[in-house]
N, C-alpha and C. Protein backbone atom coordinates (compact mmCIF):
# COMPACT_ATOMS: atom_id res chain seq x y z
N MET A 1 -2.12 -9.30 -1.61
CA MET A 1 -0.80 -8.82 -1.43
C MET A 1 0.08 -8.58 -2.61
N THR A 2 1.02 -7.96 -2.64
CA THR A 2 1.90 -7.74 -3.73
C THR A 2 3.06 -8.83 -3.57
N LEU A 3 3.73 -9.29 -4.49
CA LEU A 3 4.99 -10.12 -4.56
C LEU A 3 5.92 -9.58 -3.62
N THR A 4 6.11 -8.35 -3.53
CA THR A 4 7.24 -7.68 -2.78
C THR A 4 6.73 -7.99 -1.38
N LEU A 5 5.54 -7.75 -0.87
CA LEU A 5 5.24 -8.09 0.55
C LEU A 5 5.29 -9.55 0.89
N ALA A 6 4.95 -10.46 -0.21
CA ALA A 6 5.05 -11.80 0.21
C ALA A 6 6.55 -12.25 0.35
N MET A 7 7.33 -11.65 -0.66
CA MET A 7 8.88 -12.00 -0.44
C MET A 7 9.34 -11.64 1.00
N GLU A 8 8.90 -10.24 1.36
CA GLU A 8 9.37 -9.71 2.70
C GLU A 8 9.03 -10.78 3.80
N TYR A 9 7.88 -11.21 3.74
CA TYR A 9 7.39 -12.28 4.97
C TYR A 9 8.18 -13.44 4.68
N GLU A 10 8.55 -13.94 3.67
CA GLU A 10 9.42 -15.23 3.35
C GLU A 10 10.74 -15.23 4.41
N ARG A 11 11.21 -13.92 4.66
CA ARG A 11 12.35 -13.80 5.45
C ARG A 11 12.28 -14.31 6.76
N SER A 12 11.09 -14.27 7.42
CA SER A 12 10.96 -14.72 8.76
C SER A 12 10.97 -16.17 8.89
N SER A 13 11.92 -16.71 9.86
CA SER A 13 12.22 -18.29 9.71
C SER A 13 10.86 -19.13 10.04
N SER A 14 9.93 -18.51 10.99
CA SER A 14 8.77 -19.40 11.30
C SER A 14 7.87 -19.37 10.02
N MET A 15 7.77 -18.24 9.45
CA MET A 15 6.72 -18.14 8.15
C MET A 15 7.48 -19.02 7.35
N LYS A 16 8.90 -19.01 6.91
CA LYS A 16 9.49 -19.64 5.89
C LYS A 16 9.30 -21.20 6.14
N ILE A 17 9.31 -21.62 7.28
CA ILE A 17 9.19 -23.13 7.37
C ILE A 17 7.69 -23.50 6.96
N HIS A 18 6.78 -22.73 7.43
CA HIS A 18 5.23 -23.06 7.00
C HIS A 18 5.28 -22.95 5.42
N LEU A 19 5.75 -22.06 4.73
CA LEU A 19 5.66 -21.77 3.49
C LEU A 19 6.35 -22.85 2.62
N GLU A 20 7.51 -23.49 3.09
CA GLU A 20 8.09 -24.59 2.58
C GLU A 20 7.30 -25.77 2.51
N THR A 21 6.36 -26.07 3.35
CA THR A 21 5.52 -27.16 3.65
C THR A 21 4.36 -27.07 2.75
N THR A 22 3.97 -25.95 2.57
CA THR A 22 2.66 -25.64 1.83
C THR A 22 2.72 -26.35 0.41
N ASN A 23 2.00 -27.22 -0.02
CA ASN A 23 1.85 -27.76 -1.22
C ASN A 23 3.01 -28.60 -1.61
N GLY A 24 4.03 -28.89 -0.59
CA GLY A 24 5.03 -29.66 -1.02
C GLY A 24 6.22 -28.81 -1.67
N GLY A 25 6.23 -27.50 -1.61
CA GLY A 25 7.22 -26.67 -2.15
C GLY A 25 7.27 -25.31 -1.54
N ARG A 26 8.07 -24.41 -2.03
CA ARG A 26 8.31 -23.23 -1.37
C ARG A 26 7.63 -22.18 -2.32
N CYS A 27 7.04 -21.17 -1.52
CA CYS A 27 6.40 -20.03 -2.43
C CYS A 27 7.52 -19.24 -3.23
N GLY A 28 7.11 -19.04 -4.35
CA GLY A 28 8.19 -18.18 -5.23
C GLY A 28 7.37 -17.62 -6.36
N MET A 29 7.93 -16.71 -6.95
CA MET A 29 7.44 -16.04 -7.99
C MET A 29 6.79 -16.79 -9.27
N PHE A 30 7.59 -17.96 -9.48
CA PHE A 30 7.24 -18.79 -10.68
C PHE A 30 6.50 -19.88 -10.32
N PHE A 31 6.12 -20.21 -9.00
CA PHE A 31 5.23 -21.23 -8.78
C PHE A 31 3.83 -21.19 -8.80
N PRO A 32 3.03 -22.13 -9.22
CA PRO A 32 1.53 -21.95 -9.41
C PRO A 32 0.88 -21.64 -8.09
N TRP A 33 1.29 -22.02 -6.96
CA TRP A 33 0.69 -21.84 -5.66
C TRP A 33 0.86 -20.45 -5.01
N LEU A 34 1.42 -19.59 -5.82
CA LEU A 34 1.78 -18.22 -5.39
C LEU A 34 0.50 -17.64 -4.72
N GLN A 35 -0.61 -17.61 -5.46
CA GLN A 35 -1.95 -17.11 -5.09
C GLN A 35 -2.17 -17.68 -3.53
N GLN A 36 -2.15 -18.84 -3.52
CA GLN A 36 -2.47 -19.53 -2.17
C GLN A 36 -1.63 -18.99 -1.15
N CYS A 37 -0.22 -18.87 -1.43
CA CYS A 37 0.74 -18.49 -0.44
C CYS A 37 0.35 -17.04 0.07
N THR A 38 0.33 -16.13 -1.04
CA THR A 38 -0.19 -14.76 -0.71
C THR A 38 -1.44 -14.67 0.07
N GLN A 39 -2.41 -15.39 -0.15
CA GLN A 39 -3.65 -15.43 0.46
C GLN A 39 -3.33 -15.69 1.90
N PHE A 40 -2.60 -16.97 2.23
CA PHE A 40 -2.26 -17.19 3.47
C PHE A 40 -1.51 -16.10 4.29
N LEU A 41 -0.44 -15.58 3.54
CA LEU A 41 0.24 -14.40 4.16
C LEU A 41 -0.60 -13.31 4.69
N GLN A 42 -1.57 -12.80 3.72
CA GLN A 42 -2.44 -11.82 4.10
C GLN A 42 -3.22 -12.34 5.33
N GLN A 43 -3.96 -13.37 5.32
CA GLN A 43 -4.75 -13.82 6.40
C GLN A 43 -3.93 -13.85 7.84
N THR A 44 -2.59 -14.33 7.67
CA THR A 44 -1.91 -14.55 9.10
C THR A 44 -1.21 -13.24 9.22
N ASN A 45 -0.83 -12.43 8.36
CA ASN A 45 0.06 -11.38 8.69
C ASN A 45 -0.51 -10.08 8.55
N VAL A 46 -1.66 -9.85 7.85
CA VAL A 46 -2.30 -8.64 7.71
C VAL A 46 -3.68 -8.57 8.36
N TYR A 47 -4.61 -9.35 7.75
CA TYR A 47 -5.95 -9.19 8.44
C TYR A 47 -6.76 -10.49 8.02
N ASP A 48 -7.13 -11.14 8.88
CA ASP A 48 -8.29 -12.16 8.45
C ASP A 48 -9.76 -11.84 8.51
N SER A 49 -10.27 -11.56 7.36
CA SER A 49 -11.69 -11.01 7.35
C SER A 49 -12.59 -11.94 7.65
N LYS A 50 -12.35 -13.18 7.64
CA LYS A 50 -13.33 -14.29 8.29
C LYS A 50 -13.40 -14.26 9.67
N LYS A 51 -12.27 -14.24 10.43
CA LYS A 51 -12.21 -14.06 11.80
C LYS A 51 -12.45 -12.68 12.33
N GLN A 52 -12.32 -11.76 11.51
CA GLN A 52 -12.23 -10.38 11.76
C GLN A 52 -11.15 -9.89 12.93
N VAL A 53 -10.03 -10.46 12.62
CA VAL A 53 -8.87 -10.13 13.55
C VAL A 53 -7.59 -9.61 12.76
N PRO A 54 -6.59 -8.87 13.39
CA PRO A 54 -5.68 -8.48 12.72
C PRO A 54 -4.54 -9.48 12.74
N GLY A 55 -3.61 -9.38 11.73
CA GLY A 55 -2.59 -10.37 11.73
C GLY A 55 -1.36 -9.87 12.61
N GLU A 56 -0.22 -10.36 12.34
CA GLU A 56 0.88 -10.12 13.22
C GLU A 56 1.75 -8.90 12.60
N ALA A 57 1.47 -8.66 11.25
CA ALA A 57 2.33 -7.58 10.79
C ALA A 57 1.85 -6.13 11.42
N ARG A 58 2.86 -5.37 11.47
CA ARG A 58 2.53 -3.95 11.96
C ARG A 58 2.93 -2.83 11.01
N HIS A 59 3.68 -3.29 9.86
CA HIS A 59 4.06 -2.43 8.73
C HIS A 59 3.84 -3.19 7.52
N LEU A 60 3.33 -2.41 6.52
CA LEU A 60 3.17 -3.02 5.17
C LEU A 60 3.87 -2.03 4.32
N ILE A 61 4.59 -2.71 3.45
CA ILE A 61 5.52 -2.00 2.47
C ILE A 61 4.76 -2.49 1.11
N VAL A 62 4.17 -1.49 0.44
CA VAL A 62 3.36 -1.79 -0.71
C VAL A 62 3.68 -0.76 -1.82
N THR A 63 3.20 -1.12 -3.11
CA THR A 63 3.27 -0.09 -4.20
C THR A 63 2.04 0.63 -4.01
N VAL A 64 1.97 1.91 -4.49
CA VAL A 64 0.86 2.60 -4.61
C VAL A 64 -0.39 2.24 -5.23
N GLU A 65 -0.08 1.29 -6.39
CA GLU A 65 -1.17 0.66 -7.19
C GLU A 65 -1.97 -0.33 -6.36
N GLN A 66 -1.38 -0.90 -5.41
CA GLN A 66 -2.13 -1.85 -4.52
C GLN A 66 -3.23 -1.09 -3.73
N LEU A 67 -3.18 0.17 -3.87
CA LEU A 67 -4.39 0.86 -3.00
C LEU A 67 -5.52 1.20 -3.68
N PHE A 68 -5.50 1.16 -5.01
CA PHE A 68 -6.67 1.55 -5.85
C PHE A 68 -7.00 0.51 -6.86
N ARG A 69 -8.07 0.56 -7.47
CA ARG A 69 -8.60 -0.19 -8.55
C ARG A 69 -7.77 -0.07 -9.75
N SER A 70 -7.46 -1.07 -10.49
CA SER A 70 -6.64 -0.90 -11.66
C SER A 70 -7.45 -0.34 -12.81
N ARG A 71 -6.79 0.21 -13.73
CA ARG A 71 -7.61 0.48 -15.20
C ARG A 71 -8.33 -0.48 -15.74
N GLU A 72 -7.94 -1.80 -15.60
CA GLU A 72 -8.74 -2.95 -16.03
C GLU A 72 -9.75 -3.31 -15.21
N GLY A 73 -9.95 -2.61 -13.90
CA GLY A 73 -11.24 -3.00 -13.13
C GLY A 73 -10.86 -3.87 -12.01
N HIS A 74 -9.58 -4.29 -11.72
CA HIS A 74 -9.19 -5.23 -10.87
C HIS A 74 -9.16 -4.55 -9.33
N PHE A 75 -9.58 -5.33 -8.43
CA PHE A 75 -9.51 -4.87 -7.04
C PHE A 75 -8.31 -5.61 -6.43
N PRO A 76 -7.31 -4.95 -6.13
CA PRO A 76 -6.30 -5.55 -5.28
C PRO A 76 -6.71 -5.97 -3.79
N ARG A 77 -6.18 -6.97 -3.09
CA ARG A 77 -6.55 -7.32 -1.94
C ARG A 77 -6.57 -6.11 -0.86
N LEU A 78 -5.41 -5.43 -1.04
CA LEU A 78 -5.33 -4.32 -0.02
C LEU A 78 -6.26 -3.25 -0.29
N TYR A 79 -6.72 -3.04 -1.48
CA TYR A 79 -7.86 -1.86 -1.80
C TYR A 79 -9.13 -2.48 -1.17
N VAL A 80 -9.51 -3.85 -1.17
CA VAL A 80 -10.61 -4.40 -0.70
C VAL A 80 -10.57 -4.26 0.98
N LEU A 81 -9.43 -4.49 1.57
CA LEU A 81 -9.16 -4.29 2.95
C LEU A 81 -9.37 -2.87 3.37
N LEU A 82 -8.86 -1.93 2.61
CA LEU A 82 -8.79 -0.55 3.03
C LEU A 82 -10.28 -0.07 3.03
N HIS A 83 -11.30 -0.64 2.23
CA HIS A 83 -12.58 -0.31 2.28
C HIS A 83 -13.58 -1.16 3.18
N ASP A 84 -12.84 -1.98 4.17
CA ASP A 84 -13.47 -2.62 5.23
C ASP A 84 -13.36 -1.57 6.41
N GLN A 85 -14.46 -1.15 7.11
CA GLN A 85 -14.38 -0.35 8.09
C GLN A 85 -13.60 -0.95 9.31
N ARG A 86 -13.75 -2.34 9.56
CA ARG A 86 -12.98 -2.91 10.76
C ARG A 86 -11.54 -2.81 10.37
N PHE A 87 -11.01 -3.02 9.20
CA PHE A 87 -9.52 -2.85 8.89
C PHE A 87 -9.21 -1.41 8.94
N GLN A 88 -10.10 -0.48 8.52
CA GLN A 88 -9.57 0.95 8.69
C GLN A 88 -9.30 1.36 10.18
N LYS A 89 -9.97 0.88 11.02
CA LYS A 89 -9.82 1.19 12.38
C LYS A 89 -8.35 0.91 12.94
N LEU A 90 -7.59 -0.22 12.21
CA LEU A 90 -6.46 -0.70 12.46
C LEU A 90 -5.22 0.29 11.93
N VAL A 91 -5.54 1.02 10.84
CA VAL A 91 -4.55 1.88 10.23
C VAL A 91 -4.33 3.05 11.15
N LEU A 92 -3.14 3.17 11.46
CA LEU A 92 -2.78 4.33 12.31
C LEU A 92 -1.76 5.47 11.68
N ARG A 93 -1.10 4.93 10.54
CA ARG A 93 -0.21 5.83 9.89
C ARG A 93 0.08 5.37 8.68
N PHE A 94 0.31 6.50 7.62
CA PHE A 94 0.72 6.31 6.28
C PHE A 94 2.06 7.09 5.95
N ASN A 95 3.11 6.22 5.82
CA ASN A 95 4.23 6.74 5.37
C ASN A 95 4.47 6.68 3.73
N VAL A 96 4.51 8.02 3.05
CA VAL A 96 4.63 7.93 1.67
C VAL A 96 6.07 8.24 1.31
N ASP A 97 6.78 7.31 0.96
CA ASP A 97 8.10 7.63 0.56
C ASP A 97 8.15 7.91 -0.97
N GLU A 98 9.14 8.87 -1.33
CA GLU A 98 9.13 9.28 -2.75
C GLU A 98 7.99 10.09 -3.14
N ALA A 99 7.60 10.93 -2.26
CA ALA A 99 6.09 11.62 -2.30
C ALA A 99 6.36 12.71 -3.66
N HIS A 100 7.54 12.92 -4.00
CA HIS A 100 7.53 13.82 -5.04
C HIS A 100 6.72 13.19 -6.38
N HIS A 101 6.65 11.94 -6.38
CA HIS A 101 5.99 11.28 -7.49
C HIS A 101 4.52 11.60 -7.55
N ILE A 102 3.96 12.24 -6.52
CA ILE A 102 2.68 12.66 -6.66
C ILE A 102 2.66 13.76 -7.76
N HIS A 103 3.47 14.45 -7.92
CA HIS A 103 3.75 15.55 -8.98
C HIS A 103 4.17 14.94 -10.31
N THR A 104 5.33 14.17 -10.11
CA THR A 104 6.02 13.86 -11.46
C THR A 104 5.44 12.70 -12.18
N ALA A 105 4.70 11.77 -11.44
CA ALA A 105 4.20 10.69 -11.97
C ALA A 105 2.48 10.44 -11.87
N GLY A 106 2.07 11.20 -10.91
CA GLY A 106 0.55 11.16 -10.62
C GLY A 106 -0.30 12.18 -11.19
N VAL A 107 0.06 13.21 -11.87
CA VAL A 107 -0.56 14.12 -12.47
C VAL A 107 -0.52 14.26 -13.95
N PRO A 108 -1.29 14.77 -14.75
CA PRO A 108 -0.92 14.78 -16.17
C PRO A 108 -0.08 16.08 -16.26
N LEU A 109 1.06 16.09 -17.04
CA LEU A 109 2.00 17.01 -17.31
C LEU A 109 2.39 17.11 -18.89
N TYR A 110 2.49 18.35 -19.27
CA TYR A 110 2.94 18.66 -20.60
C TYR A 110 2.08 18.14 -21.68
N GLY A 111 0.75 17.91 -21.35
CA GLY A 111 -0.28 17.36 -22.20
C GLY A 111 -0.16 15.82 -22.34
N LEU A 112 0.41 15.23 -21.48
CA LEU A 112 0.47 13.71 -21.38
C LEU A 112 -0.24 13.31 -20.18
N ASP A 113 -0.92 12.17 -20.31
CA ASP A 113 -1.49 11.50 -19.19
C ASP A 113 -0.44 11.20 -17.99
N ALA A 114 -1.01 10.92 -16.80
CA ALA A 114 -0.31 10.82 -15.77
C ALA A 114 0.59 9.18 -15.99
N PHE A 115 1.79 9.27 -15.77
CA PHE A 115 2.49 7.97 -15.88
C PHE A 115 2.03 6.82 -14.98
N ARG A 116 1.87 7.18 -13.62
CA ARG A 116 1.23 6.28 -12.68
C ARG A 116 0.29 6.87 -11.88
N PRO A 117 -0.97 6.79 -12.32
CA PRO A 117 -1.91 7.81 -11.96
C PRO A 117 -2.41 7.50 -10.51
N ALA A 118 -2.18 6.33 -9.95
CA ALA A 118 -2.47 6.18 -8.55
C ALA A 118 -1.77 6.93 -7.55
N TRP A 119 -0.59 7.47 -8.05
CA TRP A 119 0.13 8.46 -7.16
C TRP A 119 -0.68 9.79 -6.95
N GLY A 120 -1.43 10.07 -7.80
CA GLY A 120 -2.38 11.29 -7.92
C GLY A 120 -3.73 11.04 -7.08
N LYS A 121 -3.96 9.85 -6.74
CA LYS A 121 -5.22 9.48 -5.96
C LYS A 121 -5.12 9.31 -4.54
N LEU A 122 -3.85 9.59 -3.99
CA LEU A 122 -3.52 9.36 -2.55
C LEU A 122 -4.54 10.30 -1.63
N GLY A 123 -5.00 11.38 -2.21
CA GLY A 123 -5.94 12.29 -1.55
C GLY A 123 -7.27 11.48 -1.35
N GLU A 124 -7.60 10.63 -2.29
CA GLU A 124 -8.80 9.97 -2.27
C GLU A 124 -8.78 8.97 -1.04
N LEU A 125 -7.59 8.38 -0.92
CA LEU A 125 -7.45 7.34 0.13
C LEU A 125 -7.33 8.11 1.49
N LYS A 126 -6.79 9.35 1.50
CA LYS A 126 -6.87 10.04 2.85
C LYS A 126 -8.23 10.34 3.17
N ALA A 127 -9.17 10.72 2.20
CA ALA A 127 -10.49 11.17 2.55
C ALA A 127 -11.30 9.89 2.95
N LEU A 128 -10.94 8.59 2.71
CA LEU A 128 -11.59 7.41 2.97
C LEU A 128 -11.35 7.15 4.41
N LEU A 129 -10.17 7.29 4.82
CA LEU A 129 -9.64 6.93 6.10
C LEU A 129 -9.97 7.90 7.28
N SER A 130 -9.89 7.51 8.47
CA SER A 130 -10.30 8.44 9.58
C SER A 130 -9.17 9.62 9.68
N THR A 131 -9.65 10.51 10.23
CA THR A 131 -8.69 11.80 10.20
C THR A 131 -7.80 11.56 11.37
N LYS A 132 -7.95 10.59 12.24
CA LYS A 132 -6.87 10.26 13.09
C LYS A 132 -5.65 9.58 12.58
N VAL A 133 -5.83 9.14 11.41
CA VAL A 133 -4.59 8.51 10.64
C VAL A 133 -3.44 9.53 10.29
N ARG A 134 -2.16 9.34 10.87
CA ARG A 134 -1.19 10.28 10.57
C ARG A 134 -0.42 10.03 9.26
N TRP A 135 -0.43 11.02 8.38
CA TRP A 135 0.26 10.84 7.06
C TRP A 135 1.70 11.52 7.17
N HIS A 136 2.84 10.83 6.60
CA HIS A 136 4.01 11.43 6.48
C HIS A 136 4.58 11.28 5.15
N CYS A 137 5.12 12.34 4.74
CA CYS A 137 5.58 12.28 3.19
C CYS A 137 7.04 12.47 3.10
N PHE A 138 7.84 11.79 2.49
CA PHE A 138 9.26 11.80 2.35
C PHE A 138 9.54 12.03 0.93
N SER A 139 10.72 12.99 0.82
CA SER A 139 11.31 13.11 -0.50
C SER A 139 12.44 13.96 -0.34
N ALA A 140 13.54 13.62 -1.04
CA ALA A 140 14.66 14.34 -1.15
C ALA A 140 14.50 15.48 -2.17
N THR A 141 13.45 15.47 -3.03
CA THR A 141 13.42 16.40 -4.00
C THR A 141 12.09 17.21 -4.15
N PHE A 142 11.69 17.80 -2.99
CA PHE A 142 10.71 18.78 -2.77
C PHE A 142 11.02 20.18 -3.36
N ALA A 143 11.09 20.24 -4.63
CA ALA A 143 11.26 21.56 -5.26
C ALA A 143 10.15 22.36 -5.06
N PRO A 144 9.90 23.74 -4.99
CA PRO A 144 8.82 24.45 -4.55
C PRO A 144 7.67 24.03 -5.32
N HIS A 145 7.79 23.96 -6.75
CA HIS A 145 6.69 23.62 -7.71
C HIS A 145 5.98 22.27 -7.26
N ILE A 146 6.97 21.33 -6.80
CA ILE A 146 6.49 19.82 -6.59
C ILE A 146 5.88 19.97 -5.26
N LEU A 147 6.33 20.65 -4.30
CA LEU A 147 5.82 20.76 -3.05
C LEU A 147 4.59 21.38 -3.16
N LYS A 148 4.28 22.30 -3.80
CA LYS A 148 2.87 23.01 -4.18
C LYS A 148 1.82 21.90 -4.55
N THR A 149 2.28 21.06 -5.54
CA THR A 149 1.44 19.98 -6.01
C THR A 149 1.02 18.91 -4.87
N VAL A 150 2.12 18.51 -4.11
CA VAL A 150 1.94 17.61 -3.22
C VAL A 150 0.93 18.33 -1.93
N GLU A 151 1.20 19.31 -1.65
CA GLU A 151 0.42 20.20 -0.64
C GLU A 151 -1.14 20.23 -1.08
N ALA A 152 -1.28 20.48 -2.27
CA ALA A 152 -2.71 20.57 -2.77
C ALA A 152 -3.52 19.48 -2.97
N ARG A 153 -2.64 18.27 -3.19
CA ARG A 153 -3.30 16.90 -3.30
C ARG A 153 -3.43 16.18 -2.10
N LEU A 154 -2.37 16.32 -1.15
CA LEU A 154 -2.46 15.52 -0.09
C LEU A 154 -2.29 16.03 1.22
N LEU A 155 -1.47 17.24 1.25
CA LEU A 155 -0.91 17.58 2.39
C LEU A 155 -1.79 18.93 2.95
N ARG A 156 -1.12 19.32 3.98
CA ARG A 156 -1.71 20.58 4.55
C ARG A 156 -3.05 20.50 5.07
N ARG A 157 -3.62 19.34 5.51
CA ARG A 157 -4.68 18.75 6.20
C ARG A 157 -4.27 18.33 7.42
N ALA A 158 -5.23 18.07 8.33
CA ALA A 158 -4.90 17.48 9.78
C ALA A 158 -4.00 16.27 9.38
N ASN A 159 -3.10 16.07 10.59
CA ASN A 159 -2.44 14.84 10.72
C ASN A 159 -1.41 14.67 9.55
N THR A 160 -0.76 15.55 9.02
CA THR A 160 0.26 15.37 7.85
C THR A 160 1.54 16.03 8.35
N THR A 161 2.70 15.44 8.04
CA THR A 161 4.01 15.92 8.15
C THR A 161 4.79 15.71 6.90
N ILE A 162 5.56 16.75 6.54
CA ILE A 162 6.32 16.83 5.43
C ILE A 162 7.83 16.68 5.90
N PHE A 163 8.54 15.76 5.16
CA PHE A 163 10.12 15.77 5.33
C PHE A 163 10.66 15.91 4.11
N ASP A 164 11.35 16.90 4.09
CA ASP A 164 12.17 17.40 2.89
C ASP A 164 13.55 17.04 3.05
């Protein structure tokens, strides 16, 4: 899980109490037990792969880089989960906010490499998941040329909605 996701779950009072008692301190960005806390959060809130049961969370807010292998070869936990067919069955919907980044940051432009190439790989994730998964793309800046790129890379396939 990402730090953002971990910090989001710290806000629930029952989870906060448990986290404050873990290792005698509270989970936070600068504490050495952060990895243990995020693993705990993943197992209780997202998916426990040992027990093969879904967690309590119904919505995950993550950065797009958490969905793909990094350039250095690191496999984020969410990437591993998304390649588990049991977890894939739990995914019902993908909401892509700021979807214009598929064009502006996810593809090479003007002779430069993509700034955040994971944005350009969302189509690979869509191909991996069931066709029953609904995809919603949101942006306030879908200029015609940007929308054309987003449509070509991700949209205009079954189960996709565009919000401009």
